[in-house]
Amino acid sequence: MATQGSQTNAKDSTLYYAERAGGAFSVLATDLSQYLDNQTAGASWTYESSPASRFNVTDYWCVEVEFDCDNTDTGRFVNYGTTAGNSALALRYGNTTGTVDAIMSSGGVATVVGQLALPDVSGSDQRFVFAWASEPNPFTTGAADAMRSEMRAWNITAGTYAQSVFTHYARTAGTSDFVWWANSTAGTNAFTGTPHMCRFSAGRFITATETHEDFVATTSAPTITGQTRIEFPMVDRACALLEPGELAGPVLAMGAASVRDNGLRTLSPIVNENFQELTTYSGSGLTGAPTQWSRAAPDPLYTMLGAYLYYRPVPAFADRLKVRVNVQQWRTSGATADRVHLRVYSMNRPPQPVEDVVDDNEALRVQQASGSIATSHGSGSAAGGWVDLGIMPIARNSEGATWLVLAVRIEDLSGAVANNRLRINAITIEPVLTE
């Protein structure tokens, strides 16, 4: 089981997060958020005894639950606050068949402020994800519509979705027992379906997209090809498409495409270095590099070589950098080559703060491309080989430029890394546009 507080879905805004993952119901009493504040497990509900102050939110909140149910199940998903104190905050299922009620309180009376029927709920158990997210209403006209809420429901089994958007009054601050899957610490109105996950968040608005990515399905990463476009062919003047009465659409479209694609001609390399005076580095601590050249990389296993440090503007429409390095390695004794790991970093500023550098007070953002080679090239002046480090995102500063630097790590495969020798013959870094 994963360590508490390290879950991907436990974020800075998460006040409580638990997932069952096929285990016993009692696992839902284990808090996987950064609070690590476990609850008490009942037979089919969990709770934190009053005051449970961290849940005492009045503006931004989001309750998310995952469960199995059919249209005959009933019970509470969550219950907090008191009706008498106008601080009630609850989700109830099945009071109306197949429907979830968002409950708050006003004037000492529990009130349903919003409803949403589960999509395609039936007489058989299906898997659902449900969320209630609330935020201050930017278009409020008074206390009655001070808040804007969205209720969302995904039927995982059927692949369907439903949503309800509504306004309501703000929650009054107040504490009580906080209960998941029932109405009280004694298990009153316990949910009769099967709970799988619960998360309570505060401080920001959780969108439907975020809930979907976290609990329904993660969007596949795009395929990064780094291809560049070629010029679109123009229509010949003799073509009949240019004659009166012919469709003008293809002509104009082809011309517009050509003008747009011609802009890609500016995507020439921003680093294209072929070094004539080569520094030889020893594998033992990369000696040979002046002290001022060597700096700690974002990864402590790597050493940044300041001789290969660049500050370059990047065309605004490029979104990736394609990196290749020509490297030469050999040994002064022994036949087994070591493995040289190469990494080029793209950074919005130098890794160590430097005064009077653009964005010197900004948080360091780093992207990287990596590759390695274990070939022994010999010490000849024409030796070496290209290593394709692949395509990486760009970490720009506020002026659209990036800091680029080569970092190296030598993996000892020979048992005597001090006998390794290394040279950097060339570096090319080319901006590309993802297709």
Protein backbone atom coordinates (compact mmCIF):
# COMPACT_ATOMS: atom_id res chain seq x y z
CA MET A 1 0.00 0.00 0.00
CA ALA A 2 1.24 3.50 -0.80
CA THR A 3 2.63 5.70 1.95
CA GLN A 4 0.23 8.23 3.46
CA GLY A 5 0.42 11.67 1.94
CA SER A 6 2.13 10.54 -1.27
CA GLN A 7 -0.99 9.75 -3.31
CA THR A 8 -1.31 11.43 -6.71
CA ASN A 9 -4.90 12.44 -5.92
CA ALA A 10 -4.03 13.91 -2.52
CA LYS A 11 -3.30 17.55 -3.38
CA ASP A 12 -2.58 20.79 -1.53
CA SER A 13 -6.31 21.53 -1.45
CA THR A 14 -7.24 18.07 -0.13
CA LEU A 15 -8.52 17.96 3.45
CA TYR A 16 -9.32 14.23 3.47
CA TYR A 17 -8.75 11.48 0.93
CA ALA A 18 -9.30 7.74 1.24
CA GLU A 19 -9.49 4.97 -1.32
CA ARG A 20 -10.51 1.38 -0.79
CA ALA A 21 -8.65 -0.18 -3.76
CA GLY A 22 -10.30 -3.56 -3.21
CA GLY A 23 -9.51 -3.70 0.50
CA ALA A 24 -11.78 -3.97 3.51
CA PHE A 25 -14.19 -1.09 4.20
CA SER A 26 -12.08 -0.02 7.20
CA VAL A 27 -9.35 1.12 4.79
CA LEU A 28 -11.54 4.16 4.05
CA ALA A 29 -10.72 5.41 7.55
CA THR A 30 -7.05 5.88 6.54
CA ASP A 31 -6.39 9.50 5.56
CA LEU A 32 -4.09 9.65 2.53
CA SER A 33 -3.98 13.45 2.44
CA GLN A 34 -1.12 15.53 3.84
CA TYR A 35 -3.00 15.73 7.16
CA LEU A 36 -2.57 11.99 7.83
CA ASP A 37 -5.48 12.33 10.27
CA ASN A 38 -7.17 8.94 10.20
CA GLN A 39 -10.85 8.63 11.02
CA THR A 40 -12.72 6.08 13.11
CA ALA A 41 -14.29 3.22 11.16
CA GLY A 42 -17.81 2.05 11.87
CA ALA A 43 -19.43 -0.99 10.27
CA SER A 44 -19.98 0.80 6.94
CA TRP A 45 -19.16 4.45 7.72
CA THR A 46 -16.20 6.49 8.98
CA TYR A 47 -16.13 9.66 11.04
CA GLU A 48 -14.04 12.32 12.75
CA SER A 49 -15.49 13.50 16.04
CA SER A 50 -16.41 17.15 16.61
CA PRO A 51 -15.08 19.76 16.06
CA ALA A 52 -13.36 18.38 12.88
CA SER A 53 -12.37 22.02 12.32
CA ARG A 54 -10.44 21.60 9.07
CA PHE A 55 -13.74 20.88 7.27
CA ASN A 56 -15.32 24.13 8.49
CA VAL A 57 -15.28 25.86 5.08
CA THR A 58 -17.77 28.47 3.91
CA ASP A 59 -16.88 29.31 0.31
CA TYR A 60 -14.84 26.90 -1.85
CA TRP A 61 -15.46 23.20 -1.25
CA CYS A 62 -15.70 19.99 -3.23
CA VAL A 63 -17.00 16.59 -2.12
CA GLU A 64 -16.09 13.67 -4.41
CA VAL A 65 -17.15 10.06 -3.90
CA GLU A 66 -16.90 6.82 -5.85
CA PHE A 67 -19.32 3.98 -5.18
CA ASP A 68 -21.44 1.13 -6.51
CA CYS A 69 -25.21 1.38 -6.23
CA ASP A 70 -28.56 0.66 -7.88
CA ASN A 71 -31.81 2.61 -7.84
CA THR A 72 -33.00 1.01 -4.58
CA ASP A 73 -30.02 2.08 -2.45
CA THR A 74 -30.31 4.96 -0.01
CA GLY A 75 -28.22 6.86 2.55
CA ARG A 76 -25.74 9.68 3.04
CA PHE A 77 -22.43 10.16 1.25
CA VAL A 78 -21.26 12.85 3.65
CA ASN A 79 -22.67 14.80 6.60
CA TYR A 80 -21.16 17.76 8.49
CA GLY A 81 -22.41 20.71 10.50
CA THR A 82 -25.76 21.16 12.20
CA THR A 83 -29.16 22.26 10.99
CA ALA A 84 -29.74 24.35 14.13
CA GLY A 85 -26.57 26.33 13.51
CA ASN A 86 -27.29 26.76 9.81
CA SER A 87 -23.95 25.04 9.09
CA ALA A 88 -25.24 21.78 7.59
CA LEU A 89 -23.44 20.42 4.55
CA ALA A 90 -24.54 17.00 3.29
CA LEU A 91 -25.09 14.75 0.27
CA ARG A 92 -28.03 12.34 0.43
CA TYR A 93 -28.89 9.57 -2.01
CA GLY A 94 -32.19 7.85 -2.69
CA ASN A 95 -34.70 10.07 -0.91
CA THR A 96 -35.96 10.49 -4.47
CA THR A 97 -35.22 7.29 -6.37
CA GLY A 98 -31.81 7.39 -8.06
CA THR A 99 -31.24 11.05 -7.15
CA VAL A 100 -28.58 12.83 -5.07
CA ASP A 101 -29.63 15.81 -2.92
CA ALA A 102 -27.24 18.60 -1.90
CA ILE A 103 -28.39 19.67 1.57
CA MET A 104 -27.65 22.85 3.51
CA SER A 105 -29.56 24.63 6.28
CA SER A 106 -31.22 28.00 6.68
CA GLY A 107 -33.23 29.27 9.61
CA GLY A 108 -32.67 26.00 11.43
CA VAL A 109 -34.27 23.97 8.62
CA ALA A 110 -32.48 21.48 6.37
CA THR A 111 -32.95 22.49 2.74
CA VAL A 112 -32.26 20.74 -0.53
CA VAL A 113 -30.38 23.36 -2.55
CA GLY A 114 -29.63 21.18 -5.58
CA GLN A 115 -30.44 17.78 -7.08
CA LEU A 116 -29.00 15.47 -9.72
CA ALA A 117 -30.22 12.07 -10.86
CA LEU A 118 -27.47 9.52 -11.45
CA PRO A 119 -27.24 8.92 -15.22
CA ASP A 120 -28.71 5.58 -16.37
CA VAL A 121 -29.04 4.26 -12.82
CA SER A 122 -30.90 0.94 -12.86
CA GLY A 123 -31.90 -2.02 -10.75
CA SER A 124 -28.41 -3.48 -11.01
CA ASP A 125 -25.28 -2.24 -9.30
CA GLN A 126 -23.13 0.11 -11.39
CA ARG A 127 -19.99 2.11 -10.61
CA PHE A 128 -20.42 5.90 -10.21
CA VAL A 129 -18.24 8.93 -9.46
CA PHE A 130 -20.07 11.91 -7.97
CA ALA A 131 -18.83 15.44 -7.18
CA TRP A 132 -20.32 18.56 -5.61
CA ALA A 133 -18.12 21.63 -6.16
CA SER A 134 -19.02 25.12 -4.91
CA GLU A 135 -17.53 28.58 -5.37
CA PRO A 136 -18.54 32.22 -4.74
CA ASN A 137 -20.97 33.35 -7.45
CA PRO A 138 -19.29 36.14 -9.48
CA PHE A 139 -22.73 37.32 -10.63
CA THR A 140 -24.44 37.30 -7.24
CA THR A 141 -27.33 39.70 -6.67
CA GLY A 142 -27.65 39.04 -2.94
CA ALA A 143 -27.48 36.47 -0.14
CA ALA A 144 -29.82 34.00 -1.87
CA ASP A 145 -27.42 33.38 -4.78
CA ALA A 146 -24.10 34.13 -3.10
CA MET A 147 -22.72 30.73 -4.12
CA ARG A 148 -22.58 28.82 -7.40
CA SER A 149 -22.44 25.01 -7.34
CA GLU A 150 -21.99 22.20 -9.83
CA MET A 151 -23.12 18.63 -9.18
CA ARG A 152 -21.62 16.08 -11.56
CA ALA A 153 -22.14 12.35 -11.94
CA TRP A 154 -20.28 9.84 -14.10
CA ASN A 155 -21.70 6.36 -14.70
CA ILE A 156 -18.45 4.45 -15.16
CA THR A 157 -20.24 1.24 -16.12
CA ALA A 158 -22.42 2.79 -18.81
CA GLY A 159 -20.01 5.54 -19.87
CA THR A 160 -22.56 8.35 -19.37
CA TYR A 161 -22.49 11.73 -17.62
CA ALA A 162 -24.93 14.20 -16.05
CA GLN A 163 -24.50 17.65 -14.52
CA SER A 164 -26.52 20.23 -12.64
CA VAL A 165 -25.57 23.90 -12.05
CA PHE A 166 -27.36 25.99 -9.45
CA THR A 167 -26.95 28.92 -7.06
CA HIS A 168 -27.66 29.06 -3.32
CA TYR A 169 -26.81 30.91 -0.12
CA ALA A 170 -23.44 30.66 1.63
CA ARG A 171 -22.75 28.12 4.35
CA THR A 172 -22.60 29.49 7.91
CA ALA A 173 -19.43 28.53 9.78
CA GLY A 174 -19.92 25.82 12.38
CA THR A 175 -18.39 22.53 13.47
CA SER A 176 -19.69 19.07 14.35
CA ASP A 177 -18.83 15.42 13.74
CA PHE A 178 -17.70 14.83 10.16
CA VAL A 179 -19.19 11.61 8.81
CA TRP A 180 -18.66 9.73 5.54
CA TRP A 181 -21.30 7.26 4.29
CA ALA A 182 -23.83 7.92 7.08
CA ASN A 183 -25.70 10.67 8.91
CA SER A 184 -24.10 10.28 12.33
CA THR A 185 -21.25 8.61 14.19
CA ALA A 186 -23.75 5.89 15.16
CA GLY A 187 -24.36 5.03 11.49
CA THR A 188 -27.81 6.59 11.09
CA ASN A 189 -28.98 6.52 7.44
CA ALA A 190 -25.87 4.62 6.38
CA PHE A 191 -25.35 4.32 2.63
CA THR A 192 -26.55 0.90 1.49
CA GLY A 193 -24.38 0.76 -1.64
CA THR A 194 -20.66 -0.02 -1.77
CA PRO A 195 -18.24 2.89 -1.13
CA HIS A 196 -14.85 2.95 -2.90
CA MET A 197 -13.37 6.45 -2.54
CA CYS A 198 -13.98 9.80 -0.85
CA ARG A 199 -12.20 13.15 -1.08
CA PHE A 200 -12.97 16.52 0.51
CA SER A 201 -11.20 19.61 -0.86
CA ALA A 202 -11.27 23.31 0.00
CA GLY A 203 -9.71 26.61 -0.99
CA ARG A 204 -10.17 26.38 -4.76
CA PHE A 205 -12.78 25.32 -7.32
CA ILE A 206 -12.35 21.72 -8.46
CA THR A 207 -13.43 21.47 -12.11
CA ALA A 208 -15.24 18.58 -13.76
CA THR A 209 -12.13 17.97 -15.85
CA GLU A 210 -9.98 17.52 -12.74
CA THR A 211 -12.39 15.04 -11.16
CA HIS A 212 -12.61 13.13 -14.45
CA GLU A 213 -8.82 12.95 -14.76
CA ASP A 214 -8.40 11.85 -11.13
CA PHE A 215 -11.15 9.26 -10.82
CA VAL A 216 -12.78 8.44 -14.17
CA ALA A 217 -10.09 8.17 -16.85
CA THR A 218 -6.76 9.85 -17.49
CA THR A 219 -6.36 11.46 -20.90
CA SER A 220 -3.66 9.79 -22.98
CA ALA A 221 -0.47 11.80 -23.41
CA PRO A 222 -0.01 13.29 -26.89
CA THR A 223 2.43 11.65 -29.27
CA ILE A 224 5.42 13.97 -29.56
CA THR A 225 6.86 13.72 -33.06
CA GLY A 226 8.62 17.06 -33.46
CA GLN A 227 7.83 17.09 -37.17
CA THR A 228 8.16 20.33 -39.13
CA ARG A 229 5.89 21.39 -41.94
CA ILE A 230 6.80 21.91 -45.58
CA GLU A 231 5.51 24.65 -47.81
CA PHE A 232 1.97 24.04 -49.10
CA PRO A 233 1.83 23.99 -52.95
CA MET A 234 0.21 26.98 -54.62
CA VAL A 235 -2.42 26.66 -57.35
CA ASP A 236 -1.04 27.17 -60.86
CA ARG A 237 -2.44 30.24 -62.69
CA ALA A 238 -3.60 28.01 -65.53
CA CYS A 239 -5.76 25.95 -63.17
CA ALA A 240 -9.49 26.13 -63.89
CA LEU A 241 -10.16 26.83 -60.22
CA LEU A 242 -9.10 30.42 -60.85
CA GLU A 243 -11.71 31.00 -63.56
CA PRO A 244 -14.91 33.03 -62.92
CA GLY A 245 -17.71 30.86 -61.60
CA GLU A 246 -15.36 28.31 -60.03
CA LEU A 247 -15.14 27.67 -56.28
CA ALA A 248 -12.65 30.05 -54.68
CA GLY A 249 -12.43 28.13 -51.40
CA PRO A 250 -9.54 25.76 -52.27
CA VAL A 251 -7.42 28.57 -53.71
CA LEU A 252 -7.77 30.79 -50.67
CA ALA A 253 -7.32 27.89 -48.25
CA MET A 254 -4.13 26.73 -49.95
CA GLY A 255 -2.70 30.25 -50.01
CA ALA A 256 -3.48 30.81 -46.33
CA ALA A 257 -1.91 27.47 -45.40
CA SER A 258 1.24 28.36 -47.32
CA VAL A 259 1.62 31.71 -45.55
CA ARG A 260 1.11 30.07 -42.15
CA ASP A 261 3.55 27.25 -42.77
CA ASN A 262 6.25 29.57 -44.10
CA GLY A 263 6.61 30.90 -40.55
CA LEU A 264 8.18 27.59 -39.58
CA ARG A 265 11.24 28.53 -41.61
CA THR A 266 12.44 30.51 -38.57
CA LEU A 267 12.80 27.29 -36.58
CA SER A 268 16.53 27.00 -37.07
CA PRO A 269 18.85 25.63 -34.33
CA ILE A 270 19.33 27.91 -31.34
CA VAL A 271 22.51 25.98 -30.38
CA ASN A 272 24.68 24.56 -33.16
CA GLU A 273 28.18 24.24 -31.72
CA ASN A 274 31.10 22.26 -33.15
CA PHE A 275 34.01 22.61 -30.71
CA GLN A 276 37.54 22.95 -32.07
CA GLU A 277 39.41 23.13 -28.75
CA LEU A 278 38.24 20.04 -26.88
CA THR A 279 38.43 19.67 -23.12
CA THR A 280 39.22 16.17 -21.88
CA TYR A 281 37.37 15.27 -18.70
CA SER A 282 38.46 12.51 -16.34
CA GLY A 283 35.79 10.13 -15.14
CA SER A 284 36.89 10.66 -11.55
CA GLY A 285 34.72 13.58 -10.54
CA LEU A 286 34.85 14.96 -14.08
CA THR A 287 38.18 16.59 -13.32
CA GLY A 288 39.45 18.83 -16.05
CA ALA A 289 36.55 21.23 -15.77
CA PRO A 290 37.45 24.50 -14.01
CA THR A 291 35.65 24.87 -10.71
CA GLN A 292 33.58 27.79 -11.98
CA TRP A 293 32.29 25.59 -14.86
CA SER A 294 30.91 22.85 -12.65
CA ARG A 295 27.68 23.33 -10.74
CA ALA A 296 25.18 21.04 -8.99
CA ALA A 297 22.42 19.99 -11.38
CA PRO A 298 18.73 19.71 -10.41
CA ASP A 299 19.49 15.97 -10.15
CA PRO A 300 22.40 15.53 -7.67
CA LEU A 301 23.71 12.53 -9.63
CA TYR A 302 24.56 14.83 -12.56
CA THR A 303 27.16 17.58 -12.88
CA MET A 304 26.39 20.61 -15.02
CA LEU A 305 29.27 21.77 -17.20
CA GLY A 306 29.20 25.54 -17.44
CA ALA A 307 31.30 25.53 -20.61
CA TYR A 308 28.15 24.32 -22.34
CA LEU A 309 25.76 26.89 -20.89
CA TYR A 310 23.56 28.95 -23.23
CA TYR A 311 20.92 31.66 -22.90
CA ARG A 312 18.70 31.66 -25.97
CA PRO A 313 15.42 33.22 -27.13
CA VAL A 314 12.99 30.64 -28.51
CA PRO A 315 10.38 31.32 -31.24
CA ALA A 316 7.03 31.80 -29.53
CA PHE A 317 5.22 29.14 -31.59
CA ALA A 318 7.81 26.40 -30.87
CA ASP A 319 6.80 24.14 -28.00
CA ARG A 320 9.64 21.57 -27.87
CA LEU A 321 13.42 21.36 -28.26
CA LYS A 322 15.17 18.56 -30.15
CA VAL A 323 18.60 17.81 -28.64
CA ARG A 324 21.64 15.90 -29.96
CA VAL A 325 25.16 15.70 -28.48
CA ASN A 326 28.30 14.28 -30.09
CA VAL A 327 30.38 12.67 -27.37
CA GLN A 328 33.66 10.75 -27.33
CA GLN A 329 34.79 8.44 -24.54
CA TRP A 330 37.67 6.02 -24.07
CA ARG A 331 39.78 4.47 -21.32
CA THR A 332 43.43 4.92 -20.45
CA SER A 333 43.53 1.24 -19.44
CA GLY A 334 41.10 -1.66 -19.57
CA ALA A 335 38.78 -2.65 -22.37
CA THR A 336 35.34 -2.28 -20.78
CA ALA A 337 33.72 1.08 -21.51
CA ASP A 338 31.74 2.95 -18.90
CA ARG A 339 28.29 4.39 -19.66
CA VAL A 340 28.11 8.15 -20.09
CA HIS A 341 24.71 9.63 -19.25
CA LEU A 342 23.99 12.98 -20.88
CA ARG A 343 21.24 15.40 -19.97
CA VAL A 344 20.40 18.84 -21.31
CA TYR A 345 18.31 21.06 -19.03
CA SER A 346 15.99 23.86 -20.14
CA MET A 347 15.47 26.33 -17.26
CA ASN A 348 13.68 29.64 -16.75
CA ARG A 349 16.68 30.92 -14.78
CA PRO A 350 20.06 29.61 -13.59
CA PRO A 351 19.70 26.87 -10.95
CA GLN A 352 21.40 29.03 -8.35
CA PRO A 353 19.81 32.49 -7.94
CA VAL A 354 21.81 35.24 -9.67
CA GLU A 355 21.02 38.91 -9.17
CA ASP A 356 19.94 40.99 -12.16
CA VAL A 357 18.96 37.92 -14.19
CA VAL A 358 15.47 37.95 -15.70
CA ASP A 359 13.06 36.28 -13.25
CA ASP A 360 15.85 35.73 -10.71
CA ASN A 361 13.27 35.62 -7.90
CA GLU A 362 10.93 33.19 -9.67
CA ALA A 363 10.69 29.53 -8.69
CA LEU A 364 13.04 27.37 -10.74
CA ARG A 365 11.29 25.47 -13.54
CA VAL A 366 13.23 22.72 -15.28
CA GLN A 367 12.63 20.51 -18.31
CA GLN A 368 15.10 17.92 -19.54
CA ALA A 369 16.16 15.57 -22.33
CA SER A 370 18.31 12.54 -21.53
CA GLY A 371 20.33 9.88 -23.30
CA SER A 372 23.38 7.65 -22.77
CA ILE A 373 26.20 5.87 -24.62
CA ALA A 374 28.48 2.99 -23.57
CA THR A 375 30.66 2.80 -26.70
CA SER A 376 34.45 3.11 -26.41
CA HIS A 377 35.51 5.42 -29.26
CA GLY A 378 39.23 5.65 -28.68
CA SER A 379 41.22 8.83 -28.23
CA GLY A 380 41.63 9.75 -31.89
CA SER A 381 40.80 13.25 -33.00
CA ALA A 382 38.06 12.04 -35.37
CA ALA A 383 36.39 9.68 -32.89
CA GLY A 384 33.01 10.06 -31.26
CA GLY A 385 29.33 9.34 -31.75
CA TRP A 386 26.02 11.18 -31.77
CA VAL A 387 23.56 10.65 -28.92
CA ASP A 388 19.95 11.62 -29.61
CA LEU A 389 18.54 12.96 -26.35
CA GLY A 390 15.07 13.26 -27.85
CA ILE A 391 12.51 16.03 -27.62
CA MET A 392 11.76 18.01 -24.45
CA PRO A 393 9.36 20.80 -23.40
CA ILE A 394 10.70 24.34 -22.97
CA ALA A 395 11.06 26.19 -19.66
CA ARG A 396 10.88 29.86 -20.75
CA ASN A 397 11.31 32.96 -18.65
CA SER A 398 8.99 35.96 -18.87
CA GLU A 399 10.88 37.30 -21.89
CA GLY A 400 10.49 34.09 -23.91
CA ALA A 401 14.09 32.91 -23.48
CA THR A 402 15.50 29.81 -21.83
CA TRP A 403 18.74 28.76 -20.13
CA LEU A 404 20.26 25.59 -21.60
CA VAL A 405 23.07 23.56 -20.07
CA LEU A 406 24.69 20.15 -20.56
CA ALA A 407 24.99 17.86 -17.54
CA VAL A 408 26.92 14.59 -17.33
CA ARG A 409 26.98 11.46 -15.18
CA ILE A 410 29.43 8.58 -15.68
CA GLU A 411 28.13 5.16 -14.66
CA ASP A 412 30.96 2.87 -13.56
CA LEU A 413 30.73 -0.37 -15.58
CA SER A 414 34.46 -1.11 -15.59
CA GLY A 415 35.25 -0.98 -11.89
CA ALA A 416 37.75 1.84 -12.44
CA VAL A 417 35.83 4.95 -13.50
CA ALA A 418 38.93 7.09 -12.93
CA ASN A 419 40.37 5.64 -16.14
CA ASN A 420 37.47 6.98 -18.20
CA ARG A 421 38.05 9.98 -20.46
CA LEU A 422 35.34 12.12 -22.00
CA ARG A 423 35.08 14.87 -24.64
CA ILE A 424 32.12 16.85 -25.96
CA ASN A 425 32.56 17.35 -29.68
CA ALA A 426 29.32 19.10 -30.66
CA ILE A 427 25.83 20.08 -29.49
CA THR A 428 22.75 20.91 -31.53
CA ILE A 429 19.48 22.14 -30.00
CA GLU A 430 16.65 22.84 -32.42
CA PRO A 431 13.18 24.26 -31.65
CA VAL A 432 10.31 22.29 -33.14
CA LEU A 433 6.53 22.53 -33.21
CA THR A 434 4.54 19.51 -32.06
CA GLU A 435 2.21 18.16 -34.71
